[in-house]
Amino acid sequence: MATSISILCYHQVAPQLPPGFERYSVTTAQFAAQLRWLALAGYHTISFDQMLAARAGNGSLPAKSVIITFDDGLRDCIHYAPPLLVSYKMTATFFLVAGLMGGASAWLAQEQAPVMPIASWQQARDLLAAGMSCGAHGLTHTRLAATPALQCEEELVQSRRLLESELGSPIRHIAYPFGSYNVAVRAQVMAAGYATACTTQKGHVALTDDVFSLRRVPVYSFENIVDFAFRVRSGYSFREWLRSRYQKKTA
């Protein structure tokens, strides 16, 4: 049974890296190579619900378990990623910005990043039909920890309601937009009925970890397949791992 789980965090998958958003994107060729490595290395994709079941003692997980996630619901990502996942018999969870479906990633303009199209509701339904899962990523992709309590509640509650209404499927999992959360936001996520919440903090996840502050493993276009493999296995890049080892020795 898996002692730790690697939750991979992607944002964009497209044939070419979008200018200005290269860091958070991978090409379809890179993504295919990463899935190929996961398959050859013996990894199995699982869902958040499977992780929770194992945590509760209901069933076990493969020794090499990985959860693949995509933030933002960008149109190109939802067009190009699922066929590759299906070809490798893998699954993923797509965290969607419910209030902007069919529109554009307006929040990126404030980050001096390119605004890109967001998938339509029909494309999201097609994800479920292809065996993928959907989760919430807020109503408008705002920084929840910097949002007034009532507005934060709206972001959490309405995004879940809208997703469940449009997709006809329970929405139990959320990824904090920008990774922004605190103790109060965590409490509101629980009150809104979510079962897990993903952060942008780096590292692996143990079954005993807090399910409302799950760490993830970021995937970057500028790292090669060796870097990717090291991240999957350790939760960190080789340089990050070396740095942490050095800091421990000199502390």
C-alpha atoms as a PDB file:
ATOM      1  CA  MET A   1       0.000   0.000   0.000  1.00  0.00           C
ATOM      2  CA  ALA A   2       1.223   3.502  -0.789  1.00  0.00           C
ATOM      3  CA  THR A   3       2.919   5.251   2.133  1.00  0.00           C
ATOM      4  CA  SER A   4       2.895   8.582   0.291  1.00  0.00           C
ATOM      5  CA  ILE A   5       1.102  10.009  -2.712  1.00  0.00           C
ATOM      6  CA  SER A   6       2.411  12.384  -5.332  1.00  0.00           C
ATOM      7  CA  ILE A   7      -0.264  14.896  -6.395  1.00  0.00           C
ATOM      8  CA  LEU A   8       0.942  16.433  -9.651  1.00  0.00           C
ATOM      9  CA  CYS A   9      -0.127  20.001 -10.411  1.00  0.00           C
ATOM     10  CA  TYR A  10      -0.510  21.126 -14.034  1.00  0.00           C
ATOM     11  CA  HIS A  11      -2.095  24.238 -15.526  1.00  0.00           C
ATOM     12  CA  GLN A  12      -1.768  24.233 -19.303  1.00  0.00           C
ATOM     13  CA  VAL A  13      -1.132  21.530 -21.915  1.00  0.00           C
ATOM     14  CA  ALA A  14      -0.874  22.645 -25.533  1.00  0.00           C
ATOM     15  CA  PRO A  15       1.163  21.893 -28.690  1.00  0.00           C
ATOM     16  CA  GLN A  16       3.193  25.081 -28.143  1.00  0.00           C
ATOM     17  CA  LEU A  17       4.066  26.885 -24.911  1.00  0.00           C
ATOM     18  CA  PRO A  18       1.958  30.077 -24.629  1.00  0.00           C
ATOM     19  CA  PRO A  19       4.255  33.152 -24.495  1.00  0.00           C
ATOM     20  CA  GLY A  20       4.255  34.625 -21.015  1.00  0.00           C
ATOM     21  CA  PHE A  21       2.872  31.462 -19.415  1.00  0.00           C
ATOM     22  CA  GLU A  22       5.665  29.029 -20.265  1.00  0.00           C
ATOM     23  CA  ARG A  23       6.582  28.287 -16.658  1.00  0.00           C
ATOM     24  CA  TYR A  24       3.163  26.850 -15.852  1.00  0.00           C
ATOM     25  CA  SER A  25       2.654  25.002 -19.137  1.00  0.00           C
ATOM     26  CA  VAL A  26       3.911  21.849 -20.796  1.00  0.00           C
ATOM     27  CA  THR A  27       3.706  20.864 -24.431  1.00  0.00           C
ATOM     28  CA  THR A  28       1.657  17.883 -25.514  1.00  0.00           C
ATOM     29  CA  ALA A  29       4.944  16.115 -26.337  1.00  0.00           C
ATOM     30  CA  GLN A  30       6.251  16.742 -22.809  1.00  0.00           C
ATOM     31  CA  PHE A  31       2.991  15.598 -21.252  1.00  0.00           C
ATOM     32  CA  ALA A  32       2.961  12.396 -23.318  1.00  0.00           C
ATOM     33  CA  ALA A  33       6.565  11.673 -22.284  1.00  0.00           C
ATOM     34  CA  GLN A  34       5.684  12.219 -18.619  1.00  0.00           C
ATOM     35  CA  LEU A  35       2.702   9.870 -18.811  1.00  0.00           C
ATOM     36  CA  ARG A  36       4.885   7.307 -20.579  1.00  0.00           C
ATOM     37  CA  TRP A  37       7.451   7.513 -17.784  1.00  0.00           C
ATOM     38  CA  LEU A  38       4.765   7.125 -15.108  1.00  0.00           C
ATOM     39  CA  ALA A  39       3.433   4.025 -16.848  1.00  0.00           C
ATOM     40  CA  LEU A  40       6.878   2.452 -17.327  1.00  0.00           C
ATOM     41  CA  ALA A  41       7.856   3.234 -13.731  1.00  0.00           C
ATOM     42  CA  GLY A  42       4.775   1.393 -12.454  1.00  0.00           C
ATOM     43  CA  TYR A  43       2.715   4.338 -11.208  1.00  0.00           C
ATOM     44  CA  HIS A  44      -1.070   4.158 -11.034  1.00  0.00           C
ATOM     45  CA  THR A  45      -3.391   7.153 -11.067  1.00  0.00           C
ATOM     46  CA  ILE A  46      -5.949   7.302  -8.294  1.00  0.00           C
ATOM     47  CA  SER A  47      -8.727   9.740  -7.379  1.00  0.00           C
ATOM     48  CA  PHE A  48      -9.135  11.875  -4.285  1.00  0.00           C
ATOM     49  CA  ASP A  49     -12.104   9.699  -3.306  1.00  0.00           C
ATOM     50  CA  GLN A  50      -9.893   6.591  -3.467  1.00  0.00           C
ATOM     51  CA  MET A  51      -7.350   8.352  -1.274  1.00  0.00           C
ATOM     52  CA  LEU A  52     -10.045   9.218   1.286  1.00  0.00           C
ATOM     53  CA  ALA A  53     -11.382   5.647   1.257  1.00  0.00           C
ATOM     54  CA  ALA A  54      -7.905   4.259   1.968  1.00  0.00           C
ATOM     55  CA  ARG A  55      -7.453   6.866   4.706  1.00  0.00           C
ATOM     56  CA  ALA A  56     -10.661   5.599   6.331  1.00  0.00           C
ATOM     57  CA  GLY A  57      -9.460   1.993   6.104  1.00  0.00           C
ATOM     58  CA  ASN A  58     -11.765   1.082   3.242  1.00  0.00           C
ATOM     59  CA  GLY A  59      -9.446  -0.528   0.728  1.00  0.00           C
ATOM     60  CA  SER A  60      -5.798  -0.073  -0.161  1.00  0.00           C
ATOM     61  CA  LEU A  61      -3.842   1.911  -2.725  1.00  0.00           C
ATOM     62  CA  PRO A  62      -1.180   0.794  -5.212  1.00  0.00           C
ATOM     63  CA  ALA A  63       2.371   1.042  -3.880  1.00  0.00           C
ATOM     64  CA  LYS A  64       3.097   3.762  -6.440  1.00  0.00           C
ATOM     65  CA  SER A  65       0.066   6.057  -6.382  1.00  0.00           C
ATOM     66  CA  VAL A  66      -0.202   9.406  -8.131  1.00  0.00           C
ATOM     67  CA  ILE A  67      -3.037  11.913  -8.490  1.00  0.00           C
ATOM     68  CA  ILE A  68      -2.891  14.110 -11.584  1.00  0.00           C
ATOM     69  CA  THR A  69      -4.530  17.535 -11.232  1.00  0.00           C
ATOM     70  CA  PHE A  70      -5.094  20.492 -13.536  1.00  0.00           C
ATOM     71  CA  ASP A  71      -5.919  23.974 -12.249  1.00  0.00           C
ATOM     72  CA  ASP A  72      -7.936  26.682 -14.057  1.00  0.00           C
ATOM     73  CA  GLY A  73      -9.858  24.651 -16.688  1.00  0.00           C
ATOM     74  CA  LEU A  74      -8.081  26.272 -19.636  1.00  0.00           C
ATOM     75  CA  ARG A  75      -9.640  25.322 -22.958  1.00  0.00           C
ATOM     76  CA  ASP A  76      -6.494  23.995 -24.639  1.00  0.00           C
ATOM     77  CA  CYS A  77      -5.615  21.907 -21.601  1.00  0.00           C
ATOM     78  CA  ILE A  78      -9.042  20.287 -21.524  1.00  0.00           C
ATOM     79  CA  HIS A  79      -8.845  19.685 -25.277  1.00  0.00           C
ATOM     80  CA  TYR A  80      -5.370  18.136 -25.411  1.00  0.00           C
ATOM     81  CA  ALA A  81      -4.785  16.434 -22.044  1.00  0.00           C
ATOM     82  CA  PRO A  82      -7.692  13.928 -21.760  1.00  0.00           C
ATOM     83  CA  PRO A  83      -6.965  11.969 -24.987  1.00  0.00           C
ATOM     84  CA  LEU A  84      -3.382  11.419 -23.825  1.00  0.00           C
ATOM     85  CA  LEU A  85      -4.554  10.377 -20.356  1.00  0.00           C
ATOM     86  CA  VAL A  86      -7.037   7.928 -21.851  1.00  0.00           C
ATOM     87  CA  SER A  87      -4.373   6.468 -24.145  1.00  0.00           C
ATOM     88  CA  TYR A  88      -2.313   5.571 -21.051  1.00  0.00           C
ATOM     89  CA  LYS A  89      -5.392   4.395 -19.113  1.00  0.00           C
ATOM     90  CA  MET A  90      -4.928   7.199 -16.599  1.00  0.00           C
ATOM     91  CA  THR A  91      -7.315   9.601 -14.912  1.00  0.00           C
ATOM     92  CA  ALA A  92      -7.063  13.167 -13.597  1.00  0.00           C
ATOM     93  CA  THR A  93      -9.001  15.802 -11.672  1.00  0.00           C
ATOM     94  CA  PHE A  94      -9.663  19.155 -13.341  1.00  0.00           C
ATOM     95  CA  PHE A  95     -10.285  22.066 -10.958  1.00  0.00           C
ATOM     96  CA  LEU A  96     -12.670  24.484 -12.711  1.00  0.00           C
ATOM     97  CA  VAL A  97     -13.361  28.194 -12.195  1.00  0.00           C
ATOM     98  CA  ALA A  98     -17.154  27.879 -12.195  1.00  0.00           C
ATOM     99  CA  GLY A  99     -18.074  31.538 -12.726  1.00  0.00           C
ATOM    100  CA  LEU A 100     -15.870  31.952 -15.798  1.00  0.00           C
ATOM    101  CA  MET A 101     -16.672  28.793 -17.782  1.00  0.00           C
ATOM    102  CA  GLY A 102     -16.775  29.544 -21.499  1.00  0.00           C
ATOM    103  CA  GLY A 103     -15.020  32.851 -20.878  1.00  0.00           C
ATOM    104  CA  ALA A 104     -11.385  33.711 -20.275  1.00  0.00           C
ATOM    105  CA  SER A 105      -8.784  33.594 -17.491  1.00  0.00           C
ATOM    106  CA  ALA A 106      -9.288  37.252 -16.558  1.00  0.00           C
ATOM    107  CA  TRP A 107      -7.301  36.918 -13.297  1.00  0.00           C
ATOM    108  CA  LEU A 108      -4.095  36.375 -15.289  1.00  0.00           C
ATOM    109  CA  ALA A 109      -4.170  39.940 -16.644  1.00  0.00           C
ATOM    110  CA  GLN A 110      -3.511  41.177 -13.096  1.00  0.00           C
ATOM    111  CA  GLU A 111      -0.467  38.882 -12.969  1.00  0.00           C
ATOM    112  CA  GLN A 112       0.982  40.285 -16.228  1.00  0.00           C
ATOM    113  CA  ALA A 113       0.288  36.914 -17.845  1.00  0.00           C
ATOM    114  CA  PRO A 114      -1.622  36.181 -21.063  1.00  0.00           C
ATOM    115  CA  VAL A 115      -5.388  35.782 -20.809  1.00  0.00           C
ATOM    116  CA  MET A 116      -6.465  32.451 -22.292  1.00  0.00           C
ATOM    117  CA  PRO A 117      -9.828  30.870 -23.140  1.00  0.00           C
ATOM    118  CA  ILE A 118     -11.518  28.724 -20.502  1.00  0.00           C
ATOM    119  CA  ALA A 119     -13.334  25.535 -21.450  1.00  0.00           C
ATOM    120  CA  SER A 120     -17.089  25.454 -21.958  1.00  0.00           C
ATOM    121  CA  TRP A 121     -19.563  23.561 -19.817  1.00  0.00           C
ATOM    122  CA  GLN A 122     -19.931  20.974 -22.572  1.00  0.00           C
ATOM    123  CA  GLN A 123     -16.197  20.359 -22.578  1.00  0.00           C
ATOM    124  CA  ALA A 124     -16.377  19.874 -18.813  1.00  0.00           C
ATOM    125  CA  ARG A 125     -19.181  17.341 -19.258  1.00  0.00           C
ATOM    126  CA  ASP A 126     -17.024  15.582 -21.841  1.00  0.00           C
ATOM    127  CA  LEU A 127     -14.312  15.257 -19.186  1.00  0.00           C
ATOM    128  CA  LEU A 128     -16.649  13.263 -16.974  1.00  0.00           C
ATOM    129  CA  ALA A 129     -17.716  11.122 -19.927  1.00  0.00           C
ATOM    130  CA  ALA A 130     -14.040  10.340 -20.583  1.00  0.00           C
ATOM    131  CA  GLY A 131     -13.587   9.061 -17.020  1.00  0.00           C
ATOM    132  CA  MET A 132     -12.031  12.197 -15.539  1.00  0.00           C
ATOM    133  CA  SER A 133     -13.117  14.033 -12.383  1.00  0.00           C
ATOM    134  CA  CYS A 134     -13.944  17.682 -11.805  1.00  0.00           C
ATOM    135  CA  GLY A 135     -13.388  19.830  -8.752  1.00  0.00           C
ATOM    136  CA  ALA A 136     -13.773  23.488  -7.785  1.00  0.00           C
ATOM    137  CA  HIS A 137     -11.257  26.295  -8.161  1.00  0.00           C
ATOM    138  CA  GLY A 138     -13.419  29.126  -6.844  1.00  0.00           C
ATOM    139  CA  LEU A 139     -16.072  31.182  -8.584  1.00  0.00           C
ATOM    140  CA  THR A 140     -13.758  33.845 -10.050  1.00  0.00           C
ATOM    141  CA  HIS A 141     -10.238  32.647  -9.085  1.00  0.00           C
ATOM    142  CA  THR A 142      -9.705  35.197  -6.322  1.00  0.00           C
ATOM    143  CA  ARG A 143      -7.171  35.013  -3.478  1.00  0.00           C
ATOM    144  CA  LEU A 144      -9.412  33.593  -0.769  1.00  0.00           C
ATOM    145  CA  ALA A 145      -7.182  34.530   2.167  1.00  0.00           C
ATOM    146  CA  ALA A 146      -7.379  38.180   1.090  1.00  0.00           C
ATOM    147  CA  THR A 147     -11.133  38.094   0.452  1.00  0.00           C
ATOM    148  CA  PRO A 148     -13.793  39.286   2.962  1.00  0.00           C
ATOM    149  CA  ALA A 149     -15.516  36.406   4.736  1.00  0.00           C
ATOM    150  CA  LEU A 150     -18.897  36.789   3.013  1.00  0.00           C
ATOM    151  CA  GLN A 151     -17.334  37.009  -0.435  1.00  0.00           C
ATOM    152  CA  CYS A 152     -15.120  34.030   0.351  1.00  0.00           C
ATOM    153  CA  GLU A 153     -18.190  32.026   1.341  1.00  0.00           C
ATOM    154  CA  GLU A 154     -19.818  32.969  -1.973  1.00  0.00           C
ATOM    155  CA  GLU A 155     -16.733  31.855  -3.893  1.00  0.00           C
ATOM    156  CA  LEU A 156     -16.782  28.490  -2.157  1.00  0.00           C
ATOM    157  CA  VAL A 157     -20.504  27.743  -1.942  1.00  0.00           C
ATOM    158  CA  GLN A 158     -21.661  29.105  -5.279  1.00  0.00           C
ATOM    159  CA  SER A 159     -18.831  27.515  -7.248  1.00  0.00           C
ATOM    160  CA  ARG A 160     -19.766  24.108  -5.860  1.00  0.00           C
ATOM    161  CA  ARG A 161     -23.481  24.632  -6.487  1.00  0.00           C
ATOM    162  CA  LEU A 162     -22.927  25.848 -10.037  1.00  0.00           C
ATOM    163  CA  LEU A 163     -20.596  22.984 -10.905  1.00  0.00           C
ATOM    164  CA  GLU A 164     -22.962  20.381  -9.488  1.00  0.00           C
ATOM    165  CA  SER A 165     -25.921  21.948 -11.321  1.00  0.00           C
ATOM    166  CA  GLU A 166     -24.171  22.088 -14.694  1.00  0.00           C
ATOM    167  CA  LEU A 167     -22.319  18.791 -14.486  1.00  0.00           C
ATOM    168  CA  GLY A 168     -24.879  16.693 -12.624  1.00  0.00           C
ATOM    169  CA  SER A 169     -22.108  15.244 -10.474  1.00  0.00           C
ATOM    170  CA  PRO A 170     -21.060  15.769  -6.836  1.00  0.00           C
ATOM    171  CA  ILE A 171     -18.199  18.245  -6.334  1.00  0.00           C
ATOM    172  CA  ARG A 172     -16.212  17.194  -3.262  1.00  0.00           C
ATOM    173  CA  HIS A 173     -12.740  18.578  -3.888  1.00  0.00           C
ATOM    174  CA  ILE A 174     -11.237  22.034  -4.324  1.00  0.00           C
ATOM    175  CA  ALA A 175      -7.869  23.622  -5.104  1.00  0.00           C
ATOM    176  CA  TYR A 176      -7.237  27.003  -3.493  1.00  0.00           C
ATOM    177  CA  PRO A 177      -6.809  29.637  -6.259  1.00  0.00           C
ATOM    178  CA  PHE A 178      -3.223  30.945  -6.175  1.00  0.00           C
ATOM    179  CA  GLY A 179      -2.753  28.530  -3.258  1.00  0.00           C
ATOM    180  CA  SER A 180      -4.188  31.288  -1.052  1.00  0.00           C
ATOM    181  CA  TYR A 181      -5.725  30.094   2.216  1.00  0.00           C
ATOM    182  CA  ASN A 182      -5.507  30.435   5.987  1.00  0.00           C
ATOM    183  CA  VAL A 183      -7.199  28.972   9.066  1.00  0.00           C
ATOM    184  CA  ALA A 184     -10.439  30.899   8.418  1.00  0.00           C
ATOM    185  CA  VAL A 185     -10.577  29.882   4.735  1.00  0.00           C
ATOM    186  CA  ARG A 186      -9.899  26.259   5.667  1.00  0.00           C
ATOM    187  CA  ALA A 187     -12.872  26.359   8.061  1.00  0.00           C
ATOM    188  CA  GLN A 188     -15.103  27.837   5.369  1.00  0.00           C
ATOM    189  CA  VAL A 189     -14.059  25.138   2.906  1.00  0.00           C
ATOM    190  CA  MET A 190     -15.110  22.499   5.425  1.00  0.00           C
ATOM    191  CA  ALA A 191     -18.407  24.307   6.090  1.00  0.00           C
ATOM    192  CA  ALA A 192     -19.100  24.498   2.345  1.00  0.00           C
ATOM    193  CA  GLY A 193     -19.079  20.703   2.170  1.00  0.00           C
ATOM    194  CA  TYR A 194     -15.764  19.957   0.484  1.00  0.00           C
ATOM    195  CA  ALA A 195     -13.891  16.787   1.455  1.00  0.00           C
ATOM    196  CA  THR A 196     -10.360  17.835   0.453  1.00  0.00           C
ATOM    197  CA  ALA A 197      -8.470  20.980  -0.534  1.00  0.00           C
ATOM    198  CA  CYS A 198      -5.211  21.276  -2.465  1.00  0.00           C
ATOM    199  CA  THR A 199      -2.561  23.919  -1.860  1.00  0.00           C
ATOM    200  CA  THR A 200       0.457  24.970  -3.914  1.00  0.00           C
ATOM    201  CA  GLN A 201       2.856  23.910  -1.157  1.00  0.00           C
ATOM    202  CA  LYS A 202       5.410  21.428  -2.464  1.00  0.00           C
ATOM    203  CA  GLY A 203       5.824  17.837  -1.348  1.00  0.00           C
ATOM    204  CA  HIS A 204       4.262  14.416  -1.093  1.00  0.00           C
ATOM    205  CA  VAL A 205       1.088  13.576   0.826  1.00  0.00           C
ATOM    206  CA  ALA A 206       0.748  10.905   3.512  1.00  0.00           C
ATOM    207  CA  LEU A 207      -2.622   9.375   4.333  1.00  0.00           C
ATOM    208  CA  THR A 208      -2.368  10.889   7.801  1.00  0.00           C
ATOM    209  CA  ASP A 209      -1.907  14.458   6.492  1.00  0.00           C
ATOM    210  CA  ASP A 210      -4.503  17.211   6.828  1.00  0.00           C
ATOM    211  CA  VAL A 211      -6.808  16.727   3.841  1.00  0.00           C
ATOM    212  CA  PHE A 212      -7.579  20.467   3.709  1.00  0.00           C
ATOM    213  CA  SER A 213      -3.953  21.461   3.120  1.00  0.00           C
ATOM    214  CA  LEU A 214      -2.733  18.866   0.653  1.00  0.00           C
ATOM    215  CA  ARG A 215       0.708  19.463  -0.823  1.00  0.00           C
ATOM    216  CA  ARG A 216       1.305  19.017  -4.545  1.00  0.00           C
ATOM    217  CA  VAL A 217       4.182  18.502  -6.963  1.00  0.00           C
ATOM    218  CA  PRO A 218       4.413  21.292  -9.564  1.00  0.00           C
ATOM    219  CA  VAL A 219       5.298  20.386 -13.156  1.00  0.00           C
ATOM    220  CA  TYR A 220       7.301  22.916 -15.180  1.00  0.00           C
ATOM    221  CA  SER A 221       8.125  23.112 -18.887  1.00  0.00           C
ATOM    222  CA  PHE A 222      11.765  24.030 -18.285  1.00  0.00           C
ATOM    223  CA  GLU A 223      12.504  20.758 -16.456  1.00  0.00           C
ATOM    224  CA  ASN A 224      13.388  17.582 -18.351  1.00  0.00           C
ATOM    225  CA  ILE A 225      12.091  14.054 -17.814  1.00  0.00           C
ATOM    226  CA  VAL A 226      14.819  13.316 -15.232  1.00  0.00           C
ATOM    227  CA  ASP A 227      13.719  16.350 -13.217  1.00  0.00           C
ATOM    228  CA  PHE A 228      10.103  15.208 -13.542  1.00  0.00           C
ATOM    229  CA  ALA A 229      10.975  11.716 -12.297  1.00  0.00           C
ATOM    230  CA  PHE A 230      12.842  13.136  -9.301  1.00  0.00           C
ATOM    231  CA  ARG A 231       9.887  15.352  -8.417  1.00  0.00           C
ATOM    232  CA  VAL A 232       7.437  12.443  -8.622  1.00  0.00           C
ATOM    233  CA  ARG A 233       9.643  10.289  -6.415  1.00  0.00           C
ATOM    234  CA  SER A 234      10.685  12.899  -3.850  1.00  0.00           C
ATOM    235  CA  GLY A 235       8.164  15.730  -4.109  1.00  0.00           C
ATOM    236  CA  TYR A 236      10.936  18.186  -4.970  1.00  0.00           C
ATOM    237  CA  SER A 237      13.384  18.985  -7.745  1.00  0.00           C
ATOM    238  CA  PHE A 238      16.931  17.678  -7.353  1.00  0.00           C
ATOM    239  CA  ARG A 239      18.210  21.198  -6.619  1.00  0.00           C
ATOM    240  CA  GLU A 240      15.490  21.786  -3.998  1.00  0.00           C
ATOM    241  CA  TRP A 241      16.320  18.460  -2.362  1.00  0.00           C
ATOM    242  CA  LEU A 242      20.049  19.239  -2.264  1.00  0.00           C
ATOM    243  CA  ARG A 243      19.347  22.702  -0.842  1.00  0.00           C
ATOM    244  CA  SER A 244      17.176  21.275   1.935  1.00  0.00           C
ATOM    245  CA  ARG A 245      19.835  18.683   2.793  1.00  0.00           C
ATOM    246  CA  TYR A 246      22.485  21.378   2.975  1.00  0.00           C
ATOM    247  CA  GLN A 247      20.322  23.619   5.162  1.00  0.00           C
ATOM    248  CA  LYS A 248      19.682  20.747   7.571  1.00  0.00           C
ATOM    249  CA  LYS A 249      23.407  20.044   7.853  1.00  0.00           C
ATOM    250  CA  THR A 250      24.292  23.678   8.506  1.00  0.00           C
ATOM    251  CA  ALA A 251      21.367  24.428  10.847  1.00  0.00           C
END
